[in-house]
Amino acid sequence: MGKKSKQKYKDVEKETVEQINSRLDNLLDKYSALFSKDMGKIKGLQANLKLKKDVQPFYIKARKVPHALLPKVDAELLRLETEGILAELLARPRFDNANLKIF
């Protein structure tokens, strides 16, 4: 580092690991809702995607999951479904005048 860089960093207040951890704990406590393990939910929101009028929906074949990973994938899908993050699609999405409506 050059002389000017060293002078610039002399003014920076030095903090100990304990002080940094304390500040981090305070931030985590203050914003605990943001750092919780639970998945947040948005209620009362309806998505509406605008599509070009001449575009038709098309099907893309699902990628294959390696056989060794199937139990982990099944367990994760079950976890996401029990937490309400994923849900079974009971009806096909509606395409109406180039708008995809998702409820």
PDB file of N, CA and C in Angstrom:
ATOM      1  N   MET A   1       0.844  -1.185   0.000  1.00  0.00           N
ATOM      2  CA  MET A   1       0.000   0.000   0.000  1.00  0.00           C
ATOM      3  C   MET A   1       0.881   1.236   0.000  1.00  0.00           C
ATOM      4  N   GLY A   2       0.390   2.231  -0.664  1.00  0.00           N
ATOM      5  CA  GLY A   2       1.123   3.493  -0.698  1.00  0.00           C
ATOM      6  C   GLY A   2       0.926   4.288   0.579  1.00  0.00           C
ATOM      7  N   LYS A   3       1.685   5.368   0.680  1.00  0.00           N
ATOM      8  CA  LYS A   3       1.646   6.203   1.882  1.00  0.00           C
ATOM      9  C   LYS A   3       0.268   6.832   2.100  1.00  0.00           C
ATOM     10  N   LYS A   4      -0.365   7.262   0.991  1.00  0.00           N
ATOM     11  CA  LYS A   4      -1.676   7.906   1.114  1.00  0.00           C
ATOM     12  C   LYS A   4      -2.734   6.905   1.589  1.00  0.00           C
ATOM     13  N   SER A   5      -2.645   5.672   1.082  1.00  0.00           N
ATOM     14  CA  SER A   5      -3.612   4.652   1.497  1.00  0.00           C
ATOM     15  C   SER A   5      -3.491   4.360   2.980  1.00  0.00           C
ATOM     16  N   LYS A   6      -2.272   4.269   3.482  1.00  0.00           N
ATOM     17  CA  LYS A   6      -2.066   3.995   4.893  1.00  0.00           C
ATOM     18  C   LYS A   6      -2.630   5.118   5.755  1.00  0.00           C
ATOM     19  N   GLN A   7      -2.433   6.361   5.327  1.00  0.00           N
ATOM     20  CA  GLN A   7      -2.966   7.494   6.078  1.00  0.00           C
ATOM     21  C   GLN A   7      -4.483   7.472   6.078  1.00  0.00           C
ATOM     22  N   LYS A   8      -5.078   7.076   4.968  1.00  0.00           N
ATOM     23  CA  LYS A   8      -6.531   7.031   4.842  1.00  0.00           C
ATOM     24  C   LYS A   8      -7.121   6.047   5.850  1.00  0.00           C
ATOM     25  N   TYR A   9      -6.472   4.904   6.042  1.00  0.00           N
ATOM     26  CA  TYR A   9      -6.996   3.885   6.923  1.00  0.00           C
ATOM     27  C   TYR A   9      -6.604   4.087   8.379  1.00  0.00           C
ATOM     28  N   LYS A  10      -5.720   5.027   8.673  1.00  0.00           N
ATOM     29  CA  LYS A  10      -5.374   5.322  10.069  1.00  0.00           C
ATOM     30  C   LYS A  10      -6.576   5.884  10.820  1.00  0.00           C
ATOM     31  N   ASP A  11      -7.412   6.637  10.095  1.00  0.00           N
ATOM     32  CA  ASP A  11      -8.554   7.278  10.726  1.00  0.00           C
ATOM     33  C   ASP A  11      -9.712   6.313  10.989  1.00  0.00           C
ATOM     34  N   VAL A  12      -9.673   5.149  10.356  1.00  0.00           N
ATOM     35  CA  VAL A  12     -10.751   4.189  10.538  1.00  0.00           C
ATOM     36  C   VAL A  12     -10.680   3.618  11.947  1.00  0.00           C
ATOM     37  N   GLU A  13     -11.810   3.641  12.623  1.00  0.00           N
ATOM     38  CA  GLU A  13     -11.856   3.149  13.997  1.00  0.00           C
ATOM     39  C   GLU A  13     -11.643   1.640  14.011  1.00  0.00           C
ATOM     40  N   LYS A  14     -10.753   1.170  14.839  1.00  0.00           N
ATOM     41  CA  LYS A  14     -10.487  -0.254  14.932  1.00  0.00           C
ATOM     42  C   LYS A  14     -11.501  -0.877  15.882  1.00  0.00           C
ATOM     43  N   GLU A  15     -12.063  -2.009  15.447  1.00  0.00           N
ATOM     44  CA  GLU A  15     -13.044  -2.709  16.270  1.00  0.00           C
ATOM     45  C   GLU A  15     -12.525  -4.108  16.569  1.00  0.00           C
ATOM     46  N   THR A  16     -12.846  -4.595  17.736  1.00  0.00           N
ATOM     47  CA  THR A  16     -12.474  -5.954  18.094  1.00  0.00           C
ATOM     48  C   THR A  16     -13.526  -6.916  17.549  1.00  0.00           C
ATOM     49  N   VAL A  17     -13.194  -8.180  17.530  1.00  0.00           N
ATOM     50  CA  VAL A  17     -14.132  -9.197  17.066  1.00  0.00           C
ATOM     51  C   VAL A  17     -15.379  -9.192  17.945  1.00  0.00           C
ATOM     52  N   GLU A  18     -15.201  -8.982  19.232  1.00  0.00           N
ATOM     53  CA  GLU A  18     -16.344  -8.961  20.149  1.00  0.00           C
ATOM     54  C   GLU A  18     -17.288  -7.799  19.830  1.00  0.00           C
ATOM     55  N   GLN A  19     -16.705  -6.640  19.514  1.00  0.00           N
ATOM     56  CA  GLN A  19     -17.541  -5.482  19.169  1.00  0.00           C
ATOM     57  C   GLN A  19     -18.307  -5.741  17.879  1.00  0.00           C
ATOM     58  N   ILE A  20     -17.653  -6.343  16.911  1.00  0.00           N
ATOM     59  CA  ILE A  20     -18.318  -6.643  15.643  1.00  0.00           C
ATOM     60  C   ILE A  20     -19.428  -7.664  15.863  1.00  0.00           C
ATOM     61  N   ASN A  21     -19.139  -8.696  16.643  1.00  0.00           N
ATOM     62  CA  ASN A  21     -20.165  -9.701  16.941  1.00  0.00           C
ATOM     63  C   ASN A  21     -21.338  -9.095  17.699  1.00  0.00           C
ATOM     64  N   SER A  22     -21.056  -8.179  18.592  1.00  0.00           N
ATOM     65  CA  SER A  22     -22.113  -7.503  19.341  1.00  0.00           C
ATOM     66  C   SER A  22     -22.997  -6.678  18.398  1.00  0.00           C
ATOM     67  N   ARG A  23     -22.371  -5.939  17.505  1.00  0.00           N
ATOM     68  CA  ARG A  23     -23.151  -5.149  16.531  1.00  0.00           C
ATOM     69  C   ARG A  23     -23.988  -6.052  15.634  1.00  0.00           C
ATOM     70  N   LEU A  24     -23.395  -7.183  15.224  1.00  0.00           N
ATOM     71  CA  LEU A  24     -24.121  -8.133  14.391  1.00  0.00           C
ATOM     72  C   LEU A  24     -25.320  -8.702  15.140  1.00  0.00           C
ATOM     73  N   ASP A  25     -25.121  -9.082  16.395  1.00  0.00           N
ATOM     74  CA  ASP A  25     -26.229  -9.606  17.202  1.00  0.00           C
ATOM     75  C   ASP A  25     -27.338  -8.565  17.356  1.00  0.00           C
ATOM     76  N   ASN A  26     -26.965  -7.309  17.557  1.00  0.00           N
ATOM     77  CA  ASN A  26     -27.967  -6.240  17.668  1.00  0.00           C
ATOM     78  C   ASN A  26     -28.771  -6.104  16.380  1.00  0.00           C
ATOM     79  N   LEU A  27     -28.097  -6.163  15.240  1.00  0.00           N
ATOM     80  CA  LEU A  27     -28.806  -6.072  13.955  1.00  0.00           C
ATOM     81  C   LEU A  27     -29.716  -7.275  13.736  1.00  0.00           C
ATOM     82  N   LEU A  28     -29.226  -8.460  14.076  1.00  0.00           N
ATOM     83  CA  LEU A  28     -30.050  -9.661  13.922  1.00  0.00           C
ATOM     84  C   LEU A  28     -31.274  -9.618  14.823  1.00  0.00           C
ATOM     85  N   ASP A  29     -31.129  -9.074  16.037  1.00  0.00           N
ATOM     86  CA  ASP A  29     -32.275  -8.932  16.939  1.00  0.00           C
ATOM     87  C   ASP A  29     -33.252  -7.882  16.417  1.00  0.00           C
ATOM     88  N   LYS A  30     -32.723  -6.768  15.949  1.00  0.00           N
ATOM     89  CA  LYS A  30     -33.568  -5.668  15.471  1.00  0.00           C
ATOM     90  C   LYS A  30     -34.385  -6.088  14.254  1.00  0.00           C
ATOM     91  N   TYR A  31     -33.760  -6.849  13.360  1.00  0.00           N
ATOM     92  CA  TYR A  31     -34.425  -7.260  12.122  1.00  0.00           C
ATOM     93  C   TYR A  31     -34.656  -8.771  12.124  1.00  0.00           C
ATOM     94  N   SER A  32     -35.096  -9.310  13.242  1.00  0.00           N
ATOM     95  CA  SER A  32     -35.268 -10.755  13.383  1.00  0.00           C
ATOM     96  C   SER A  32     -36.266 -11.328  12.377  1.00  0.00           C
ATOM     97  N   ALA A  33     -37.273 -10.559  12.011  1.00  0.00           N
ATOM     98  CA  ALA A  33     -38.262 -11.052  11.041  1.00  0.00           C
ATOM     99  C   ALA A  33     -37.624 -11.310   9.679  1.00  0.00           C
ATOM    100  N   LEU A  34     -36.621 -10.535   9.334  1.00  0.00           N
ATOM    101  CA  LEU A  34     -35.950 -10.722   8.046  1.00  0.00           C
ATOM    102  C   LEU A  34     -35.020 -11.927   8.043  1.00  0.00           C
ATOM    103  N   PHE A  35     -34.489 -12.276   9.211  1.00  0.00           N
ATOM    104  CA  PHE A  35     -33.508 -13.342   9.296  1.00  0.00           C
ATOM    105  C   PHE A  35     -34.065 -14.621   9.903  1.00  0.00           C
ATOM    106  N   SER A  36     -35.379 -14.759   9.937  1.00  0.00           N
ATOM    107  CA  SER A  36     -35.959 -15.975  10.503  1.00  0.00           C
ATOM    108  C   SER A  36     -35.817 -17.117   9.498  1.00  0.00           C
ATOM    109  N   LYS A  37     -35.919 -18.320   9.991  1.00  0.00           N
ATOM    110  CA  LYS A  37     -35.795 -19.515   9.146  1.00  0.00           C
ATOM    111  C   LYS A  37     -37.071 -19.781   8.361  1.00  0.00           C
ATOM    112  N   ASP A  38     -38.180 -19.180   8.786  1.00  0.00           N
ATOM    113  CA  ASP A  38     -39.466 -19.410   8.133  1.00  0.00           C
ATOM    114  C   ASP A  38     -39.551 -18.648   6.822  1.00  0.00           C
ATOM    115  N   MET A  39     -40.324 -19.215   5.910  1.00  0.00           N
ATOM    116  CA  MET A  39     -40.543 -18.571   4.621  1.00  0.00           C
ATOM    117  C   MET A  39     -41.632 -17.519   4.792  1.00  0.00           C
ATOM    118  N   GLY A  40     -41.397 -16.327   4.298  1.00  0.00           N
ATOM    119  CA  GLY A  40     -42.396 -15.276   4.358  1.00  0.00           C
ATOM    120  C   GLY A  40     -43.471 -15.491   3.312  1.00  0.00           C
ATOM    121  N   LYS A  41     -44.606 -14.879   3.514  1.00  0.00           N
ATOM    122  CA  LYS A  41     -45.726 -15.015   2.582  1.00  0.00           C
ATOM    123  C   LYS A  41     -46.293 -13.640   2.269  1.00  0.00           C
ATOM    124  N   ILE A  42     -46.710 -13.477   1.044  1.00  0.00           N
ATOM    125  CA  ILE A  42     -47.405 -12.261   0.625  1.00  0.00           C
ATOM    126  C   ILE A  42     -48.866 -12.638   0.440  1.00  0.00           C
ATOM    127  N   LYS A  43     -49.729 -11.958   1.155  1.00  0.00           N
ATOM    128  CA  LYS A  43     -51.157 -12.269   1.066  1.00  0.00           C
ATOM    129  C   LYS A  43     -51.866 -11.174   0.283  1.00  0.00           C
ATOM    130  N   GLY A  44     -52.874 -11.590  -0.457  1.00  0.00           N
ATOM    131  CA  GLY A  44     -53.714 -10.644  -1.176  1.00  0.00           C
ATOM    132  C   GLY A  44     -53.081 -10.054  -2.424  1.00  0.00           C
ATOM    133  N   LEU A  45     -52.115 -10.759  -3.002  1.00  0.00           N
ATOM    134  CA  LEU A  45     -51.462 -10.258  -4.207  1.00  0.00           C
ATOM    135  C   LEU A  45     -51.828 -11.158  -5.374  1.00  0.00           C
ATOM    136  N   GLN A  46     -52.194 -10.556  -6.484  1.00  0.00           N
ATOM    137  CA  GLN A  46     -52.520 -11.298  -7.684  1.00  0.00           C
ATOM    138  C   GLN A  46     -51.501 -10.922  -8.749  1.00  0.00           C
ATOM    139  N   ALA A  47     -50.856 -11.919  -9.320  1.00  0.00           N
ATOM    140  CA  ALA A  47     -49.871 -11.667 -10.377  1.00  0.00           C
ATOM    141  C   ALA A  47     -50.571 -11.597 -11.717  1.00  0.00           C
ATOM    142  N   ASN A  48     -50.114 -10.720 -12.584  1.00  0.00           N
ATOM    143  CA  ASN A  48     -50.674 -10.575 -13.913  1.00  0.00           C
ATOM    144  C   ASN A  48     -49.512 -10.309 -14.864  1.00  0.00           C
ATOM    145  N   LEU A  49     -49.180 -11.298 -15.685  1.00  0.00           N
ATOM    146  CA  LEU A  49     -48.067 -11.168 -16.609  1.00  0.00           C
ATOM    147  C   LEU A  49     -48.572 -10.751 -17.977  1.00  0.00           C
ATOM    148  N   LYS A  50     -47.967  -9.738 -18.563  1.00  0.00           N
ATOM    149  CA  LYS A  50     -48.340  -9.281 -19.896  1.00  0.00           C
ATOM    150  C   LYS A  50     -47.495 -10.033 -20.916  1.00  0.00           C
ATOM    151  N   LEU A  51     -48.159 -10.708 -21.856  1.00  0.00           N
ATOM    152  CA  LEU A  51     -47.483 -11.462 -22.894  1.00  0.00           C
ATOM    153  C   LEU A  51     -47.779 -10.842 -24.254  1.00  0.00           C
ATOM    154  N   LYS A  52     -46.914 -11.105 -25.215  1.00  0.00           N
ATOM    155  CA  LYS A  52     -47.170 -10.637 -26.567  1.00  0.00           C
ATOM    156  C   LYS A  52     -48.365 -11.400 -27.132  1.00  0.00           C
ATOM    157  N   LYS A  53     -49.175 -10.729 -27.937  1.00  0.00           N
ATOM    158  CA  LYS A  53     -50.412 -11.330 -28.432  1.00  0.00           C
ATOM    159  C   LYS A  53     -50.175 -12.513 -29.355  1.00  0.00           C
ATOM    160  N   ASP A  54     -49.110 -12.505 -30.118  1.00  0.00           N
ATOM    161  CA  ASP A  54     -48.889 -13.571 -31.099  1.00  0.00           C
ATOM    162  C   ASP A  54     -48.105 -14.763 -30.542  1.00  0.00           C
ATOM    163  N   VAL A  55     -47.808 -14.761 -29.258  1.00  0.00           N
ATOM    164  CA  VAL A  55     -47.032 -15.840 -28.658  1.00  0.00           C
ATOM    165  C   VAL A  55     -47.980 -16.869 -28.050  1.00  0.00           C
ATOM    166  N   GLN A  56     -47.722 -18.145 -28.344  1.00  0.00           N
ATOM    167  CA  GLN A  56     -48.515 -19.228 -27.791  1.00  0.00           C
ATOM    168  C   GLN A  56     -47.706 -19.936 -26.708  1.00  0.00           C
ATOM    169  N   PRO A  57     -48.347 -20.375 -25.641  1.00  0.00           N
ATOM    170  CA  PRO A  57     -47.617 -21.131 -24.616  1.00  0.00           C
ATOM    171  C   PRO A  57     -47.129 -22.454 -25.190  1.00  0.00           C
ATOM    172  N   PHE A  58     -46.002 -22.932 -24.697  1.00  0.00           N
ATOM    173  CA  PHE A  58     -45.467 -24.197 -25.183  1.00  0.00           C
ATOM    174  C   PHE A  58     -44.944 -25.013 -24.011  1.00  0.00           C
ATOM    175  N   TYR A  59     -44.807 -26.279 -24.251  1.00  0.00           N
ATOM    176  CA  TYR A  59     -44.406 -27.227 -23.229  1.00  0.00           C
ATOM    177  C   TYR A  59     -42.907 -27.505 -23.353  1.00  0.00           C
ATOM    178  N   ILE A  60     -42.227 -27.511 -22.231  1.00  0.00           N
ATOM    179  CA  ILE A  60     -40.815 -27.889 -22.196  1.00  0.00           C
ATOM    180  C   ILE A  60     -40.715 -29.125 -21.313  1.00  0.00           C
ATOM    181  N   LYS A  61     -40.106 -30.168 -21.853  1.00  0.00           N
ATOM    182  CA  LYS A  61     -39.967 -31.411 -21.108  1.00  0.00           C
ATOM    183  C   LYS A  61     -39.111 -31.179 -19.862  1.00  0.00           C
ATOM    184  N   ALA A  62     -39.545 -31.750 -18.750  1.00  0.00           N
ATOM    185  CA  ALA A  62     -38.831 -31.591 -17.490  1.00  0.00           C
ATOM    186  C   ALA A  62     -37.462 -32.266 -17.569  1.00  0.00           C
ATOM    187  N   ARG A  63     -36.494 -31.680 -16.879  1.00  0.00           N
ATOM    188  CA  ARG A  63     -35.167 -32.296 -16.819  1.00  0.00           C
ATOM    189  C   ARG A  63     -35.221 -33.523 -15.915  1.00  0.00           C
ATOM    190  N   LYS A  64     -34.412 -34.505 -16.244  1.00  0.00           N
ATOM    191  CA  LYS A  64     -34.374 -35.718 -15.446  1.00  0.00           C
ATOM    192  C   LYS A  64     -33.499 -35.495 -14.219  1.00  0.00           C
ATOM    193  N   VAL A  65     -33.973 -36.021 -13.093  1.00  0.00           N
ATOM    194  CA  VAL A  65     -33.211 -35.951 -11.849  1.00  0.00           C
ATOM    195  C   VAL A  65     -32.377 -37.221 -11.754  1.00  0.00           C
ATOM    196  N   PRO A  66     -31.090 -37.104 -11.452  1.00  0.00           N
ATOM    197  CA  PRO A  66     -30.282 -38.308 -11.294  1.00  0.00           C
ATOM    198  C   PRO A  66     -30.875 -39.231 -10.229  1.00  0.00           C
ATOM    199  N   HIS A  67     -30.823 -40.521 -10.496  1.00  0.00           N
ATOM    200  CA  HIS A  67     -31.441 -41.519  -9.611  1.00  0.00           C
ATOM    201  C   HIS A  67     -30.954 -41.390  -8.169  1.00  0.00           C
ATOM    202  N   ALA A  68     -29.679 -41.097  -7.977  1.00  0.00           N
ATOM    203  CA  ALA A  68     -29.122 -40.992  -6.627  1.00  0.00           C
ATOM    204  C   ALA A  68     -29.714 -39.814  -5.851  1.00  0.00           C
ATOM    205  N   LEU A  69     -30.216 -38.792  -6.559  1.00  0.00           N
ATOM    206  CA  LEU A  69     -30.755 -37.603  -5.893  1.00  0.00           C
ATOM    207  C   LEU A  69     -32.270 -37.651  -5.687  1.00  0.00           C
ATOM    208  N   LEU A  70     -32.934 -38.654  -6.223  1.00  0.00           N
ATOM    209  CA  LEU A  70     -34.399 -38.723  -6.123  1.00  0.00           C
ATOM    210  C   LEU A  70     -34.912 -38.670  -4.682  1.00  0.00           C
ATOM    211  N   PRO A  71     -34.344 -39.405  -3.730  1.00  0.00           N
ATOM    212  CA  PRO A  71     -34.866 -39.300  -2.349  1.00  0.00           C
ATOM    213  C   PRO A  71     -34.732 -37.890  -1.771  1.00  0.00           C
ATOM    214  N   LYS A  72     -33.624 -37.219  -2.042  1.00  0.00           N
ATOM    215  CA  LYS A  72     -33.446 -35.854  -1.528  1.00  0.00           C
ATOM    216  C   LYS A  72     -34.425 -34.886  -2.190  1.00  0.00           C
ATOM    217  N   VAL A  73     -34.632 -35.037  -3.479  1.00  0.00           N
ATOM    218  CA  VAL A  73     -35.566 -34.162  -4.198  1.00  0.00           C
ATOM    219  C   VAL A  73     -36.987 -34.393  -3.683  1.00  0.00           C
ATOM    220  N   ASP A  74     -37.367 -35.654  -3.510  1.00  0.00           N
ATOM    221  CA  ASP A  74     -38.705 -35.962  -2.983  1.00  0.00           C
ATOM    222  C   ASP A  74     -38.902 -35.390  -1.587  1.00  0.00           C
ATOM    223  N   ALA A  75     -37.876 -35.519  -0.749  1.00  0.00           N
ATOM    224  CA  ALA A  75     -37.971 -34.988   0.619  1.00  0.00           C
ATOM    225  C   ALA A  75     -38.101 -33.467   0.604  1.00  0.00           C
ATOM    226  N   GLU A  76     -37.361 -32.800  -0.249  1.00  0.00           N
ATOM    227  CA  GLU A  76     -37.432 -31.335  -0.322  1.00  0.00           C
ATOM    228  C   GLU A  76     -38.783 -30.882  -0.866  1.00  0.00           C
ATOM    229  N   LEU A  77     -39.299 -31.557  -1.883  1.00  0.00           N
ATOM    230  CA  LEU A  77     -40.621 -31.209  -2.417  1.00  0.00           C
ATOM    231  C   LEU A  77     -41.703 -31.405  -1.357  1.00  0.00           C
ATOM    232  N   LEU A  78     -41.607 -32.479  -0.592  1.00  0.00           N
ATOM    233  CA  LEU A  78     -42.572 -32.720   0.479  1.00  0.00           C
ATOM    234  C   LEU A  78     -42.476 -31.636   1.544  1.00  0.00           C
ATOM    235  N   ARG A  79     -41.251 -31.243   1.899  1.00  0.00           N
ATOM    236  CA  ARG A  79     -41.057 -30.174   2.891  1.00  0.00           C
ATOM    237  C   ARG A  79     -41.666 -28.865   2.400  1.00  0.00           C
ATOM    238  N   LEU A  80     -41.421 -28.522   1.142  1.00  0.00           N
ATOM    239  CA  LEU A  80     -41.957 -27.282   0.587  1.00  0.00           C
ATOM    240  C   LEU A  80     -43.484 -27.321   0.519  1.00  0.00           C
ATOM    241  N   GLU A  81     -44.037 -28.490   0.245  1.00  0.00           N
ATOM    242  CA  GLU A  81     -45.493 -28.611   0.194  1.00  0.00           C
ATOM    243  C   GLU A  81     -46.099 -28.511   1.591  1.00  0.00           C
ATOM    244  N   THR A  82     -45.472 -29.135   2.593  1.00  0.00           N
ATOM    245  CA  THR A  82     -46.026 -29.072   3.948  1.00  0.00           C
ATOM    246  C   THR A  82     -45.917 -27.675   4.544  1.00  0.00           C
ATOM    247  N   GLU A  83     -44.906 -26.894   4.119  1.00  0.00           N
ATOM    248  CA  GLU A  83     -44.771 -25.521   4.599  1.00  0.00           C
ATOM    249  C   GLU A  83     -45.668 -24.552   3.836  1.00  0.00           C
ATOM    250  N   GLY A  84     -46.354 -25.037   2.805  1.00  0.00           N
ATOM    251  CA  GLY A  84     -47.260 -24.187   2.049  1.00  0.00           C
ATOM    252  C   GLY A  84     -46.577 -23.334   0.989  1.00  0.00           C
ATOM    253  N   ILE A  85     -45.325 -23.646   0.689  1.00  0.00           N
ATOM    254  CA  ILE A  85     -44.599 -22.887  -0.325  1.00  0.00           C
ATOM    255  C   ILE A  85     -45.009 -23.363  -1.711  1.00  0.00           C
ATOM    256  N   LEU A  86     -45.153 -24.675  -1.860  1.00  0.00           N
ATOM    257  CA  LEU A  86     -45.629 -25.263  -3.108  1.00  0.00           C
ATOM    258  C   LEU A  86     -47.012 -25.830  -2.880  1.00  0.00           C
ATOM    259  N   ALA A  87     -47.814 -25.833  -3.929  1.00  0.00           N
ATOM    260  CA  ALA A  87     -49.148 -26.421  -3.844  1.00  0.00           C
ATOM    261  C   ALA A  87     -49.440 -27.136  -5.158  1.00  0.00           C
ATOM    262  N   GLU A  88     -50.285 -28.118  -5.062  1.00  0.00           N
ATOM    263  CA  GLU A  88     -50.669 -28.855  -6.260  1.00  0.00           C
ATOM    264  C   GLU A  88     -51.488 -27.942  -7.162  1.00  0.00           C
ATOM    265  N   LEU A  89     -51.201 -27.978  -8.443  1.00  0.00           N
ATOM    266  CA  LEU A  89     -51.925 -27.160  -9.407  1.00  0.00           C
ATOM    267  C   LEU A  89     -53.218 -27.877  -9.767  1.00  0.00           C
ATOM    268  N   LEU A  90     -54.336 -27.311  -9.348  1.00  0.00           N
ATOM    269  CA  LEU A  90     -55.626 -27.955  -9.572  1.00  0.00           C
ATOM    270  C   LEU A  90     -56.231 -27.583 -10.917  1.00  0.00           C
ATOM    271  N   ALA A  91     -55.859 -26.447 -11.448  1.00  0.00           N
ATOM    272  CA  ALA A  91     -56.393 -26.011 -12.732  1.00  0.00           C
ATOM    273  C   ALA A  91     -55.267 -25.405 -13.555  1.00  0.00           C
ATOM    274  N   ARG A  92     -55.416 -25.450 -14.845  1.00  0.00           N
ATOM    275  CA  ARG A  92     -54.403 -24.860 -15.718  1.00  0.00           C
ATOM    276  C   ARG A  92     -54.502 -23.340 -15.648  1.00  0.00           C
ATOM    277  N   PRO A  93     -53.362 -22.640 -15.779  1.00  0.00           N
ATOM    278  CA  PRO A  93     -53.406 -21.174 -15.829  1.00  0.00           C
ATOM    279  C   PRO A  93     -54.231 -20.721 -17.043  1.00  0.00           C
ATOM    280  N   ARG A  94     -54.909 -19.599 -16.896  1.00  0.00           N
ATOM    281  CA  ARG A  94     -55.739 -19.072 -17.976  1.00  0.00           C
ATOM    282  C   ARG A  94     -54.958 -18.055 -18.794  1.00  0.00           C
ATOM    283  N   PHE A  95     -55.021 -18.226 -20.114  1.00  0.00           N
ATOM    284  CA  PHE A  95     -54.442 -17.244 -21.021  1.00  0.00           C
ATOM    285  C   PHE A  95     -55.605 -16.475 -21.622  1.00  0.00           C
ATOM    286  N   ASP A  96     -55.656 -15.186 -21.335  1.00  0.00           N
ATOM    287  CA  ASP A  96     -56.778 -14.364 -21.768  1.00  0.00           C
ATOM    288  C   ASP A  96     -56.232 -13.094 -22.408  1.00  0.00           C
ATOM    289  N   ASN A  97     -56.384 -12.962 -23.728  1.00  0.00           N
ATOM    290  CA  ASN A  97     -55.900 -11.768 -24.444  1.00  0.00           C
ATOM    291  C   ASN A  97     -54.437 -11.445 -24.109  1.00  0.00           C
ATOM    292  N   ALA A  98     -53.613 -12.463 -24.227  1.00  0.00           N
ATOM    293  CA  ALA A  98     -52.161 -12.313 -24.008  1.00  0.00           C
ATOM    294  C   ALA A  98     -51.814 -11.961 -22.570  1.00  0.00           C
ATOM    295  N   ASN A  99     -52.672 -12.311 -21.629  1.00  0.00           N
ATOM    296  CA  ASN A  99     -52.386 -12.125 -20.208  1.00  0.00           C
ATOM    297  C   ASN A  99     -52.438 -13.487 -19.537  1.00  0.00           C
ATOM    298  N   LEU A 100     -51.459 -13.761 -18.726  1.00  0.00           N
ATOM    299  CA  LEU A 100     -51.453 -14.977 -17.935  1.00  0.00           C
ATOM    300  C   LEU A 100     -51.879 -14.600 -16.532  1.00  0.00           C
ATOM    301  N   LYS A 101     -52.958 -15.181 -16.084  1.00  0.00           N
ATOM    302  CA  LYS A 101     -53.464 -14.849 -14.754  1.00  0.00           C
ATOM    303  C   LYS A 101     -53.091 -15.977 -13.792  1.00  0.00           C
ATOM    304  N   ILE A 102     -52.434 -15.605 -12.715  1.00  0.00           N
ATOM    305  CA  ILE A 102     -52.022 -16.561 -11.699  1.00  0.00           C
ATOM    306  C   ILE A 102     -52.694 -16.160 -10.392  1.00  0.00           C
ATOM    307  N   PHE A 103     -53.418 -17.071  -9.801  1.00  0.00           N
ATOM    308  CA  PHE A 103     -54.140 -16.751  -8.555  1.00  0.00           C
ATOM    309  C   PHE A 103     -53.515 -17.489  -7.417  1.00  0.00           C
TER     310      PHE A 103
END
